[in-house]
């Protein structure tokens, strides 16, 4: 019973601290100094939560290293539930942040165990306060270094058994896509809008193309290079201010502060045996202090969207519909 009491105190305190940091790091007048899209928040806050969870545990319960490293996960999942219930964070961000949060919390729990090996005190408020200040120590260093603006490429391809005319007609103009034809399960799970159709006014350089998604998301595109039945390149522009706030999480909204898609290119080449290889790649940019991690998810998202479009083009071209 005593062990459960201290576990409850540790988890409750950790969740409270994590939630307060989430609110504090999104206060508008502090945005020049703090942000939840920072290494200080992404790695520092779960480390603190893991440390606090184990810091309050009974010393005899810390003999098992595994327990010290995995008990903090209770606090992380509790914070997930709280932020979802209070609508302060969305599923998309949580899914992408969760691996880092769990690993960082485990490290925090491990360090709390080592600290408790050195001392039998759990009520050393001064040292605990220093641990809680970790994000505020990291963020100034991030601000000095600045956010990195990096461009990445998402590459996809598919083989299609159809004529180049059938394939190209489905490339330049994508007719209305039914929901049952949508196979981008990963991005749908994250809450991204699904594609509806794409319309092109002129098959030439300078042509205007609109890629229409549900939930009010529209990409304005302009053709920059065009060779009939071979190649089409186009710029992509999304105005984040026209996208309804309920459409995408503000941290991953396309055209927003941290993530944007720049351009796309279709390339059609003969593959032999009556087949053609259709390639689709896009260039996108990230503007965070942890691009090394964010680009993994961003590329996964872009590839999922592109593979979905290629599958639709393949099915329609091969069935000649």
C-alpha atoms as a PDB file:
ATOM      1  CA  UNK A   1       0.000   0.000   0.000  1.00  0.00           C
ATOM      2  CA  UNK A   2       2.858   2.351   0.869  1.00  0.00           C
ATOM      3  CA  UNK A   3       4.574   1.510  -2.439  1.00  0.00           C
ATOM      4  CA  UNK A   4       1.372   2.285  -4.359  1.00  0.00           C
ATOM      5  CA  UNK A   5       1.079   5.604  -2.541  1.00  0.00           C
ATOM      6  CA  UNK A   6       4.538   6.753  -3.633  1.00  0.00           C
ATOM      7  CA  UNK A   7       3.986   5.459  -7.175  1.00  0.00           C
ATOM      8  CA  UNK A   8       0.767   7.476  -7.373  1.00  0.00           C
ATOM      9  CA  UNK A   9       2.551  10.579  -6.061  1.00  0.00           C
ATOM     10  CA  UNK A  10       5.367  10.130  -8.574  1.00  0.00           C
ATOM     11  CA  UNK A  11       3.080   9.588 -11.569  1.00  0.00           C
ATOM     12  CA  UNK A  12       0.705  12.400 -10.605  1.00  0.00           C
ATOM     13  CA  UNK A  13       3.555  14.862 -10.074  1.00  0.00           C
ATOM     14  CA  UNK A  14       5.218  13.847 -13.341  1.00  0.00           C
ATOM     15  CA  UNK A  15       1.980  14.261 -15.324  1.00  0.00           C
ATOM     16  CA  UNK A  16       1.293  17.639 -13.722  1.00  0.00           C
ATOM     17  CA  UNK A  17       4.803  18.874 -14.534  1.00  0.00           C
ATOM     18  CA  UNK A  18       4.555  17.567 -18.112  1.00  0.00           C
ATOM     19  CA  UNK A  19       1.172  19.205 -18.664  1.00  0.00           C
ATOM     20  CA  UNK A  20       2.351  22.544 -17.238  1.00  0.00           C
ATOM     21  CA  UNK A  21       5.382  22.470 -19.521  1.00  0.00           C
ATOM     22  CA  UNK A  22       3.079  21.772 -22.495  1.00  0.00           C
ATOM     23  CA  UNK A  23       0.985  24.832 -21.645  1.00  0.00           C
ATOM     24  CA  UNK A  24       3.990  27.014 -20.809  1.00  0.00           C
ATOM     25  CA  UNK A  25       5.848  26.199 -24.021  1.00  0.00           C
ATOM     26  CA  UNK A  26       2.876  27.279 -26.136  1.00  0.00           C
ATOM     27  CA  UNK A  27       2.146  30.643 -24.464  1.00  0.00           C
ATOM     28  CA  UNK A  28       2.215  33.151 -27.317  1.00  0.00           C
ATOM     29  CA  UNK A  29       4.310  35.875 -25.649  1.00  0.00           C
ATOM     30  CA  UNK A  30       6.962  33.271 -24.750  1.00  0.00           C
ATOM     31  CA  UNK A  31       7.177  31.732 -28.239  1.00  0.00           C
ATOM     32  CA  UNK A  32      10.413  33.585 -29.007  1.00  0.00           C
ATOM     33  CA  UNK A  33      11.995  31.671 -26.118  1.00  0.00           C
ATOM     34  CA  UNK A  34      10.053  28.425 -25.781  1.00  0.00           C
ATOM     35  CA  UNK A  35       8.334  26.018 -28.147  1.00  0.00           C
ATOM     36  CA  UNK A  36       6.988  22.480 -27.907  1.00  0.00           C
ATOM     37  CA  UNK A  37       8.701  21.933 -31.280  1.00  0.00           C
ATOM     38  CA  UNK A  38      12.147  21.972 -29.681  1.00  0.00           C
ATOM     39  CA  UNK A  39      14.728  19.509 -28.417  1.00  0.00           C
ATOM     40  CA  UNK A  40      14.280  21.037 -24.956  1.00  0.00           C
ATOM     41  CA  UNK A  41      10.644  19.967 -24.940  1.00  0.00           C
ATOM     42  CA  UNK A  42      10.806  16.788 -27.013  1.00  0.00           C
ATOM     43  CA  UNK A  43      13.684  15.241 -25.064  1.00  0.00           C
ATOM     44  CA  UNK A  44      13.875  17.285 -21.867  1.00  0.00           C
ATOM     45  CA  UNK A  45      10.280  17.115 -20.633  1.00  0.00           C
ATOM     46  CA  UNK A  46       9.880  13.305 -20.804  1.00  0.00           C
ATOM     47  CA  UNK A  47      13.310  12.929 -19.147  1.00  0.00           C
ATOM     48  CA  UNK A  48      12.052  15.068 -16.262  1.00  0.00           C
ATOM     49  CA  UNK A  49       8.822  13.088 -16.071  1.00  0.00           C
ATOM     50  CA  UNK A  50      10.728   9.807 -15.917  1.00  0.00           C
ATOM     51  CA  UNK A  51      13.048  11.173 -13.234  1.00  0.00           C
ATOM     52  CA  UNK A  52      10.164  12.430 -11.081  1.00  0.00           C
ATOM     53  CA  UNK A  53       8.215   9.173 -11.397  1.00  0.00           C
ATOM     54  CA  UNK A  54      11.109   7.115 -10.024  1.00  0.00           C
ATOM     55  CA  UNK A  55      12.389   9.825  -7.661  1.00  0.00           C
ATOM     56  CA  UNK A  56       9.426   9.226  -5.347  1.00  0.00           C
ATOM     57  CA  UNK A  57       9.620   5.426  -5.391  1.00  0.00           C
ATOM     58  CA  UNK A  58      10.556   3.295  -2.396  1.00  0.00           C
ATOM     59  CA  UNK A  59      14.261   2.491  -2.526  1.00  0.00           C
ATOM     60  CA  UNK A  60      13.713  -1.261  -2.309  1.00  0.00           C
ATOM     61  CA  UNK A  61      11.565  -1.033  -5.441  1.00  0.00           C
ATOM     62  CA  UNK A  62      14.529   0.352  -7.383  1.00  0.00           C
ATOM     63  CA  UNK A  63      16.612  -2.817  -7.190  1.00  0.00           C
ATOM     64  CA  UNK A  64      15.197  -3.890 -10.557  1.00  0.00           C
ATOM     65  CA  UNK A  65      16.642  -1.706 -13.330  1.00  0.00           C
ATOM     66  CA  UNK A  66      13.852  -2.715 -15.718  1.00  0.00           C
ATOM     67  CA  UNK A  67      11.195  -1.462 -13.314  1.00  0.00           C
ATOM     68  CA  UNK A  68      12.961   1.885 -12.987  1.00  0.00           C
ATOM     69  CA  UNK A  69      13.143   2.303 -16.756  1.00  0.00           C
ATOM     70  CA  UNK A  70       9.613   1.219 -17.665  1.00  0.00           C
ATOM     71  CA  UNK A  71       7.556   2.604 -14.780  1.00  0.00           C
ATOM     72  CA  UNK A  72       7.944   6.150 -16.234  1.00  0.00           C
ATOM     73  CA  UNK A  73       5.947   4.966 -19.257  1.00  0.00           C
ATOM     74  CA  UNK A  74       2.876   5.045 -17.012  1.00  0.00           C
ATOM     75  CA  UNK A  75       3.371   8.801 -16.625  1.00  0.00           C
ATOM     76  CA  UNK A  76       3.869   9.313 -20.372  1.00  0.00           C
ATOM     77  CA  UNK A  77       0.686   7.459 -21.315  1.00  0.00           C
ATOM     78  CA  UNK A  78      -1.199   9.289 -18.566  1.00  0.00           C
ATOM     79  CA  UNK A  79      -0.022  12.613 -20.023  1.00  0.00           C
ATOM     80  CA  UNK A  80      -1.114  11.447 -23.474  1.00  0.00           C
ATOM     81  CA  UNK A  81      -4.631  10.821 -22.180  1.00  0.00           C
ATOM     82  CA  UNK A  82      -4.760  14.155 -20.341  1.00  0.00           C
ATOM     83  CA  UNK A  83      -3.609  16.219 -23.344  1.00  0.00           C
ATOM     84  CA  UNK A  84      -6.046  14.448 -25.670  1.00  0.00           C
ATOM     85  CA  UNK A  85      -8.928  14.982 -23.239  1.00  0.00           C
ATOM     86  CA  UNK A  86      -8.102  18.669 -22.822  1.00  0.00           C
ATOM     87  CA  UNK A  87      -7.482  19.023 -26.563  1.00  0.00           C
ATOM     88  CA  UNK A  88      -4.001  20.487 -26.048  1.00  0.00           C
ATOM     89  CA  UNK A  89      -2.350  17.957 -28.344  1.00  0.00           C
ATOM     90  CA  UNK A  90      -3.446  15.840 -31.298  1.00  0.00           C
ATOM     91  CA  UNK A  91      -2.997  12.178 -32.141  1.00  0.00           C
ATOM     92  CA  UNK A  92      -0.653  12.925 -35.053  1.00  0.00           C
ATOM     93  CA  UNK A  93       1.921  14.722 -32.910  1.00  0.00           C
ATOM     94  CA  UNK A  94       1.659  12.149 -30.157  1.00  0.00           C
ATOM     95  CA  UNK A  95       2.264   9.231 -32.511  1.00  0.00           C
ATOM     96  CA  UNK A  96       5.387  10.902 -33.874  1.00  0.00           C
ATOM     97  CA  UNK A  97       6.674  12.077 -30.494  1.00  0.00           C
ATOM     98  CA  UNK A  98       5.836   8.953 -28.495  1.00  0.00           C
ATOM     99  CA  UNK A  99       8.995   6.916 -29.312  1.00  0.00           C
ATOM    100  CA  UNK A 100      11.226   9.792 -28.162  1.00  0.00           C
ATOM    101  CA  UNK A 101       9.073  10.444 -25.086  1.00  0.00           C
ATOM    102  CA  UNK A 102       9.206   6.800 -23.978  1.00  0.00           C
ATOM    103  CA  UNK A 103      12.972   6.448 -24.487  1.00  0.00           C
ATOM    104  CA  UNK A 104      13.742   9.787 -22.802  1.00  0.00           C
ATOM    105  CA  UNK A 105      11.447   8.927 -19.867  1.00  0.00           C
ATOM    106  CA  UNK A 106      13.260   5.613 -19.435  1.00  0.00           C
ATOM    107  CA  UNK A 107      16.592   7.439 -19.258  1.00  0.00           C
ATOM    108  CA  UNK A 108      15.080   9.795 -16.706  1.00  0.00           C
ATOM    109  CA  UNK A 109      13.927   6.862 -14.609  1.00  0.00           C
ATOM    110  CA  UNK A 110      17.359   5.245 -14.826  1.00  0.00           C
ATOM    111  CA  UNK A 111      19.129   8.406 -13.668  1.00  0.00           C
ATOM    112  CA  UNK A 112      16.639   8.809 -10.813  1.00  0.00           C
ATOM    113  CA  UNK A 113      17.468   5.250  -9.732  1.00  0.00           C
ATOM    114  CA  UNK A 114      21.197   6.015  -9.759  1.00  0.00           C
ATOM    115  CA  UNK A 115      20.552   9.170  -7.737  1.00  0.00           C
ATOM    116  CA  UNK A 116      18.568   7.216  -5.148  1.00  0.00           C
ATOM    117  CA  UNK A 117      21.476   4.773  -4.891  1.00  0.00           C
ATOM    118  CA  UNK A 118      23.646   7.680  -3.776  1.00  0.00           C
ATOM    119  CA  UNK A 119      21.169   9.054  -1.278  1.00  0.00           C
ATOM    120  CA  UNK A 120      18.153   7.787   0.588  1.00  0.00           C
ATOM    121  CA  UNK A 121      16.412  11.147   0.377  1.00  0.00           C
ATOM    122  CA  UNK A 122      13.429  11.596  -1.866  1.00  0.00           C
ATOM    123  CA  UNK A 123      12.560  15.069  -0.642  1.00  0.00           C
ATOM    124  CA  UNK A 124      15.598  16.996  -1.817  1.00  0.00           C
ATOM    125  CA  UNK A 125      13.623  19.816  -3.381  1.00  0.00           C
ATOM    126  CA  UNK A 126      16.692  21.777  -4.509  1.00  0.00           C
ATOM    127  CA  UNK A 127      18.131  18.997  -6.664  1.00  0.00           C
ATOM    128  CA  UNK A 128      14.705  18.069  -8.006  1.00  0.00           C
ATOM    129  CA  UNK A 129      14.157  21.710  -8.979  1.00  0.00           C
ATOM    130  CA  UNK A 130      17.434  21.689 -10.910  1.00  0.00           C
ATOM    131  CA  UNK A 131      16.263  18.647 -12.864  1.00  0.00           C
ATOM    132  CA  UNK A 132      12.966  20.378 -13.674  1.00  0.00           C
ATOM    133  CA  UNK A 133      14.905  23.308 -15.148  1.00  0.00           C
ATOM    134  CA  UNK A 134      16.579  21.120 -17.799  1.00  0.00           C
ATOM    135  CA  UNK A 135      14.368  22.315 -20.719  1.00  0.00           C
ATOM    136  CA  UNK A 136      15.081  25.951 -19.842  1.00  0.00           C
ATOM    137  CA  UNK A 137      18.792  25.148 -19.989  1.00  0.00           C
ATOM    138  CA  UNK A 138      18.537  23.465 -23.387  1.00  0.00           C
ATOM    139  CA  UNK A 139      16.263  25.933 -25.185  1.00  0.00           C
ATOM    140  CA  UNK A 140      18.635  28.950 -25.007  1.00  0.00           C
ATOM    141  CA  UNK A 141      21.335  26.814 -26.621  1.00  0.00           C
ATOM    142  CA  UNK A 142      18.864  25.833 -29.348  1.00  0.00           C
ATOM    143  CA  UNK A 143      17.968  29.479 -29.916  1.00  0.00           C
ATOM    144  CA  UNK A 144      21.648  30.350 -30.289  1.00  0.00           C
ATOM    145  CA  UNK A 145      22.164  27.578 -32.828  1.00  0.00           C
ATOM    146  CA  UNK A 146      18.935  28.447 -34.668  1.00  0.00           C
ATOM    147  CA  UNK A 147      16.513  26.149 -36.429  1.00  0.00           C
ATOM    148  CA  UNK A 148      17.849  24.243 -39.417  1.00  0.00           C
ATOM    149  CA  UNK A 149      16.070  24.723 -42.759  1.00  0.00           C
ATOM    150  CA  UNK A 150      16.684  21.516 -44.697  1.00  0.00           C
ATOM    151  CA  UNK A 151      15.194  20.164 -47.923  1.00  0.00           C
ATOM    152  CA  UNK A 152      14.443  16.456 -48.347  1.00  0.00           C
ATOM    153  CA  UNK A 153      13.151  14.269 -51.175  1.00  0.00           C
ATOM    154  CA  UNK A 154      10.421  11.613 -51.005  1.00  0.00           C
ATOM    155  CA  UNK A 155      10.748   9.134 -53.882  1.00  0.00           C
ATOM    156  CA  UNK A 156       8.170   6.567 -55.051  1.00  0.00           C
ATOM    157  CA  UNK A 157       7.587   4.507 -58.205  1.00  0.00           C
ATOM    158  CA  UNK A 158       5.248   1.877 -59.622  1.00  0.00           C
ATOM    159  CA  UNK A 159       5.050  -0.327 -62.729  1.00  0.00           C
ATOM    160  CA  UNK A 160       1.895  -0.118 -64.827  1.00  0.00           C
ATOM    161  CA  UNK A 161       0.767  -2.456 -67.617  1.00  0.00           C
ATOM    162  CA  UNK A 162      -1.036   0.014 -69.877  1.00  0.00           C
ATOM    163  CA  UNK A 163      -0.389   2.374 -72.774  1.00  0.00           C
ATOM    164  CA  UNK A 164       1.431   5.641 -72.183  1.00  0.00           C
ATOM    165  CA  UNK A 165      -1.697   7.531 -73.298  1.00  0.00           C
ATOM    166  CA  UNK A 166      -3.865   5.823 -70.680  1.00  0.00           C
ATOM    167  CA  UNK A 167      -1.296   6.412 -67.943  1.00  0.00           C
ATOM    168  CA  UNK A 168      -0.568  10.038 -68.832  1.00  0.00           C
ATOM    169  CA  UNK A 169      -4.242  10.948 -68.925  1.00  0.00           C
ATOM    170  CA  UNK A 170      -4.548   9.773 -65.334  1.00  0.00           C
ATOM    171  CA  UNK A 171      -1.378  11.620 -64.319  1.00  0.00           C
ATOM    172  CA  UNK A 172      -2.296  15.072 -65.575  1.00  0.00           C
ATOM    173  CA  UNK A 173      -5.874  14.975 -64.315  1.00  0.00           C
ATOM    174  CA  UNK A 174      -6.970  12.796 -61.420  1.00  0.00           C
ATOM    175  CA  UNK A 175     -10.712  12.274 -61.476  1.00  0.00           C
ATOM    176  CA  UNK A 176     -12.756  12.100 -58.287  1.00  0.00           C
ATOM    177  CA  UNK A 177     -11.362   9.484 -55.910  1.00  0.00           C
ATOM    178  CA  UNK A 178     -13.842   7.429 -53.928  1.00  0.00           C
ATOM    179  CA  UNK A 179     -13.075   6.720 -50.298  1.00  0.00           C
ATOM    180  CA  UNK A 180     -12.805   2.970 -50.931  1.00  0.00           C
ATOM    181  CA  UNK A 181     -10.031   3.661 -53.469  1.00  0.00           C
ATOM    182  CA  UNK A 182      -7.937   5.430 -50.847  1.00  0.00           C
ATOM    183  CA  UNK A 183      -5.196   3.121 -49.519  1.00  0.00           C
ATOM    184  CA  UNK A 184      -3.113   5.681 -47.608  1.00  0.00           C
ATOM    185  CA  UNK A 185      -3.923   4.094 -44.264  1.00  0.00           C
ATOM    186  CA  UNK A 186      -1.004   5.579 -42.349  1.00  0.00           C
ATOM    187  CA  UNK A 187      -1.776   9.199 -43.198  1.00  0.00           C
ATOM    188  CA  UNK A 188      -5.490   8.620 -42.664  1.00  0.00           C
ATOM    189  CA  UNK A 189      -4.681   7.253 -39.212  1.00  0.00           C
ATOM    190  CA  UNK A 190      -2.716  10.433 -38.494  1.00  0.00           C
ATOM    191  CA  UNK A 191      -5.745  12.495 -39.500  1.00  0.00           C
ATOM    192  CA  UNK A 192      -4.397  13.867 -42.791  1.00  0.00           C
ATOM    193  CA  UNK A 193      -7.047  14.839 -45.356  1.00  0.00           C
ATOM    194  CA  UNK A 194      -7.565  12.309 -48.150  1.00  0.00           C
ATOM    195  CA  UNK A 195      -7.187  13.247 -51.850  1.00  0.00           C
ATOM    196  CA  UNK A 196     -10.360  14.024 -53.812  1.00  0.00           C
ATOM    197  CA  UNK A 197      -9.171  15.031 -57.290  1.00  0.00           C
ATOM    198  CA  UNK A 198      -6.604  17.036 -59.271  1.00  0.00           C
ATOM    199  CA  UNK A 199      -7.510  19.303 -62.181  1.00  0.00           C
ATOM    200  CA  UNK A 200      -5.179  20.886 -64.766  1.00  0.00           C
ATOM    201  CA  UNK A 201      -6.197  23.729 -67.081  1.00  0.00           C
ATOM    202  CA  UNK A 202      -3.378  23.475 -69.654  1.00  0.00           C
ATOM    203  CA  UNK A 203      -0.939  20.665 -70.454  1.00  0.00           C
ATOM    204  CA  UNK A 204       2.050  22.963 -70.845  1.00  0.00           C
ATOM    205  CA  UNK A 205       4.550  24.990 -68.862  1.00  0.00           C
ATOM    206  CA  UNK A 206       2.618  27.608 -66.906  1.00  0.00           C
ATOM    207  CA  UNK A 207      -0.459  25.415 -66.590  1.00  0.00           C
ATOM    208  CA  UNK A 208      -2.396  25.725 -63.352  1.00  0.00           C
ATOM    209  CA  UNK A 209      -3.205  22.592 -61.376  1.00  0.00           C
ATOM    210  CA  UNK A 210      -5.299  22.202 -58.251  1.00  0.00           C
ATOM    211  CA  UNK A 211      -4.938  19.205 -55.975  1.00  0.00           C
ATOM    212  CA  UNK A 212      -8.083  19.048 -53.858  1.00  0.00           C
ATOM    213  CA  UNK A 213      -8.261  17.135 -50.584  1.00  0.00           C
ATOM    214  CA  UNK A 214     -11.139  16.758 -48.174  1.00  0.00           C
ATOM    215  CA  UNK A 215     -11.555  18.913 -45.046  1.00  0.00           C
ATOM    216  CA  UNK A 216     -10.915  22.058 -47.119  1.00  0.00           C
ATOM    217  CA  UNK A 217      -7.267  21.413 -48.024  1.00  0.00           C
ATOM    218  CA  UNK A 218      -6.282  22.651 -51.518  1.00  0.00           C
ATOM    219  CA  UNK A 219      -2.822  22.803 -53.112  1.00  0.00           C
ATOM    220  CA  UNK A 220      -2.271  25.384 -55.844  1.00  0.00           C
ATOM    221  CA  UNK A 221       0.244  24.001 -58.319  1.00  0.00           C
ATOM    222  CA  UNK A 222       1.934  25.444 -61.419  1.00  0.00           C
ATOM    223  CA  UNK A 223       3.601  23.387 -64.138  1.00  0.00           C
ATOM    224  CA  UNK A 224       7.297  24.294 -64.484  1.00  0.00           C
ATOM    225  CA  UNK A 225       8.421  21.567 -66.919  1.00  0.00           C
ATOM    226  CA  UNK A 226       6.352  19.504 -69.333  1.00  0.00           C
ATOM    227  CA  UNK A 227       7.064  16.794 -71.906  1.00  0.00           C
ATOM    228  CA  UNK A 228       3.967  14.903 -73.106  1.00  0.00           C
ATOM    229  CA  UNK A 229       3.944  11.250 -71.967  1.00  0.00           C
ATOM    230  CA  UNK A 230       7.352  11.722 -70.296  1.00  0.00           C
ATOM    231  CA  UNK A 231       7.597  14.353 -67.585  1.00  0.00           C
ATOM    232  CA  UNK A 232       5.626  16.897 -65.611  1.00  0.00           C
ATOM    233  CA  UNK A 233       7.091  19.036 -62.834  1.00  0.00           C
ATOM    234  CA  UNK A 234       5.112  21.510 -60.777  1.00  0.00           C
ATOM    235  CA  UNK A 235       5.456  23.802 -57.803  1.00  0.00           C
ATOM    236  CA  UNK A 236       3.190  23.190 -54.815  1.00  0.00           C
ATOM    237  CA  UNK A 237       1.763  25.946 -52.675  1.00  0.00           C
ATOM    238  CA  UNK A 238      -0.485  25.513 -49.652  1.00  0.00           C
ATOM    239  CA  UNK A 239      -1.760  28.550 -47.825  1.00  0.00           C
ATOM    240  CA  UNK A 240      -1.914  27.470 -44.161  1.00  0.00           C
ATOM    241  CA  UNK A 241      -4.244  30.374 -43.333  1.00  0.00           C
ATOM    242  CA  UNK A 242      -6.973  28.944 -45.566  1.00  0.00           C
ATOM    243  CA  UNK A 243      -6.756  25.493 -43.997  1.00  0.00           C
ATOM    244  CA  UNK A 244      -9.398  24.995 -41.276  1.00  0.00           C
ATOM    245  CA  UNK A 245      -7.830  24.628 -37.829  1.00  0.00           C
ATOM    246  CA  UNK A 246      -9.551  21.261 -37.410  1.00  0.00           C
ATOM    247  CA  UNK A 247      -7.975  19.852 -40.591  1.00  0.00           C
ATOM    248  CA  UNK A 248      -4.388  19.311 -39.443  1.00  0.00           C
ATOM    249  CA  UNK A 249      -2.356  19.617 -36.275  1.00  0.00           C
ATOM    250  CA  UNK A 250      -0.718  23.065 -36.255  1.00  0.00           C
ATOM    251  CA  UNK A 251       2.716  21.545 -35.719  1.00  0.00           C
ATOM    252  CA  UNK A 252       2.590  19.544 -38.966  1.00  0.00           C
ATOM    253  CA  UNK A 253       0.305  21.683 -41.126  1.00  0.00           C
ATOM    254  CA  UNK A 254       1.656  21.862 -44.674  1.00  0.00           C
ATOM    255  CA  UNK A 255       2.849  25.361 -45.496  1.00  0.00           C
ATOM    256  CA  UNK A 256       3.124  26.168 -41.810  1.00  0.00           C
ATOM    257  CA  UNK A 257       6.012  27.177 -39.595  1.00  0.00           C
ATOM    258  CA  UNK A 258       7.753  23.811 -39.529  1.00  0.00           C
ATOM    259  CA  UNK A 259       6.800  21.790 -42.636  1.00  0.00           C
ATOM    260  CA  UNK A 260       6.166  22.633 -46.288  1.00  0.00           C
ATOM    261  CA  UNK A 261       6.065  20.838 -49.641  1.00  0.00           C
ATOM    262  CA  UNK A 262       7.932  22.639 -52.425  1.00  0.00           C
ATOM    263  CA  UNK A 263       7.413  20.767 -55.687  1.00  0.00           C
ATOM    264  CA  UNK A 264       6.641  17.454 -57.318  1.00  0.00           C
ATOM    265  CA  UNK A 265       7.633  15.604 -60.486  1.00  0.00           C
ATOM    266  CA  UNK A 266       6.121  12.733 -62.498  1.00  0.00           C
ATOM    267  CA  UNK A 267       8.427  10.773 -64.831  1.00  0.00           C
ATOM    268  CA  UNK A 268       7.101   8.082 -67.190  1.00  0.00           C
ATOM    269  CA  UNK A 269       9.552   5.612 -68.758  1.00  0.00           C
ATOM    270  CA  UNK A 270       9.168   2.352 -70.717  1.00  0.00           C
ATOM    271  CA  UNK A 271       9.937  -0.714 -68.586  1.00  0.00           C
ATOM    272  CA  UNK A 272       9.637  -3.357 -71.322  1.00  0.00           C
ATOM    273  CA  UNK A 273       7.064  -6.112 -71.878  1.00  0.00           C
ATOM    274  CA  UNK A 274       4.317  -3.561 -72.451  1.00  0.00           C
ATOM    275  CA  UNK A 275       4.859  -1.961 -69.040  1.00  0.00           C
ATOM    276  CA  UNK A 276       5.789   1.545 -67.995  1.00  0.00           C
ATOM    277  CA  UNK A 277       7.496   2.754 -64.842  1.00  0.00           C
ATOM    278  CA  UNK A 278       5.879   5.807 -63.316  1.00  0.00           C
ATOM    279  CA  UNK A 279       8.008   7.721 -60.855  1.00  0.00           C
ATOM    280  CA  UNK A 280       6.755  10.404 -58.496  1.00  0.00           C
ATOM    281  CA  UNK A 281       8.988  12.388 -56.204  1.00  0.00           C
ATOM    282  CA  UNK A 282       8.551  15.545 -54.202  1.00  0.00           C
ATOM    283  CA  UNK A 283      10.831  17.962 -52.378  1.00  0.00           C
ATOM    284  CA  UNK A 284       9.787  19.161 -48.952  1.00  0.00           C
ATOM    285  CA  UNK A 285      11.449  21.271 -46.292  1.00  0.00           C
ATOM    286  CA  UNK A 286      11.607  21.127 -42.507  1.00  0.00           C
ATOM    287  CA  UNK A 287      12.412  24.008 -40.192  1.00  0.00           C
ATOM    288  CA  UNK A 288      13.061  22.608 -36.709  1.00  0.00           C
ATOM    289  CA  UNK A 289      15.975  22.021 -34.361  1.00  0.00           C
ATOM    290  CA  UNK A 290      15.464  18.257 -34.647  1.00  0.00           C
ATOM    291  CA  UNK A 291      15.255  17.664 -38.395  1.00  0.00           C
ATOM    292  CA  UNK A 292      17.372  14.552 -37.818  1.00  0.00           C
ATOM    293  CA  UNK A 293      14.265  12.961 -36.292  1.00  0.00           C
ATOM    294  CA  UNK A 294      11.408  14.884 -37.914  1.00  0.00           C
ATOM    295  CA  UNK A 295      12.481  14.031 -41.469  1.00  0.00           C
ATOM    296  CA  UNK A 296      11.938  10.315 -40.824  1.00  0.00           C
ATOM    297  CA  UNK A 297       8.235  10.903 -40.172  1.00  0.00           C
ATOM    298  CA  UNK A 298       7.853  13.595 -42.838  1.00  0.00           C
ATOM    299  CA  UNK A 299       9.310  11.339 -45.522  1.00  0.00           C
ATOM    300  CA  UNK A 300       7.131   8.445 -44.363  1.00  0.00           C
ATOM    301  CA  UNK A 301       4.047  10.676 -44.640  1.00  0.00           C
ATOM    302  CA  UNK A 302       4.979  11.986 -48.098  1.00  0.00           C
ATOM    303  CA  UNK A 303       5.746   8.500 -49.406  1.00  0.00           C
ATOM    304  CA  UNK A 304       2.421   7.201 -48.110  1.00  0.00           C
ATOM    305  CA  UNK A 305       0.536   9.989 -49.889  1.00  0.00           C
ATOM    306  CA  UNK A 306       2.464   9.469 -53.139  1.00  0.00           C
ATOM    307  CA  UNK A 307       2.149   5.672 -53.155  1.00  0.00           C
ATOM    308  CA  UNK A 308      -1.596   6.084 -52.722  1.00  0.00           C
ATOM    309  CA  UNK A 309      -1.815   8.331 -55.797  1.00  0.00           C
ATOM    310  CA  UNK A 310       0.362   5.975 -57.869  1.00  0.00           C
ATOM    311  CA  UNK A 311      -1.815   2.990 -56.960  1.00  0.00           C
ATOM    312  CA  UNK A 312      -4.922   4.861 -58.055  1.00  0.00           C
ATOM    313  CA  UNK A 313      -3.274   5.820 -61.373  1.00  0.00           C
ATOM    314  CA  UNK A 314      -2.197   2.202 -61.892  1.00  0.00           C
ATOM    315  CA  UNK A 315      -5.665   0.760 -61.216  1.00  0.00           C
ATOM    316  CA  UNK A 316      -7.386   3.267 -63.484  1.00  0.00           C
ATOM    317  CA  UNK A 317      -4.858   2.925 -66.290  1.00  0.00           C
ATOM    318  CA  UNK A 318      -4.858  -0.871 -66.314  1.00  0.00           C
ATOM    319  CA  UNK A 319      -8.641  -1.041 -66.218  1.00  0.00           C
ATOM    320  CA  UNK A 320      -8.839   1.832 -68.750  1.00  0.00           C
ATOM    321  CA  UNK A 321     -11.375   3.733 -66.615  1.00  0.00           C
END
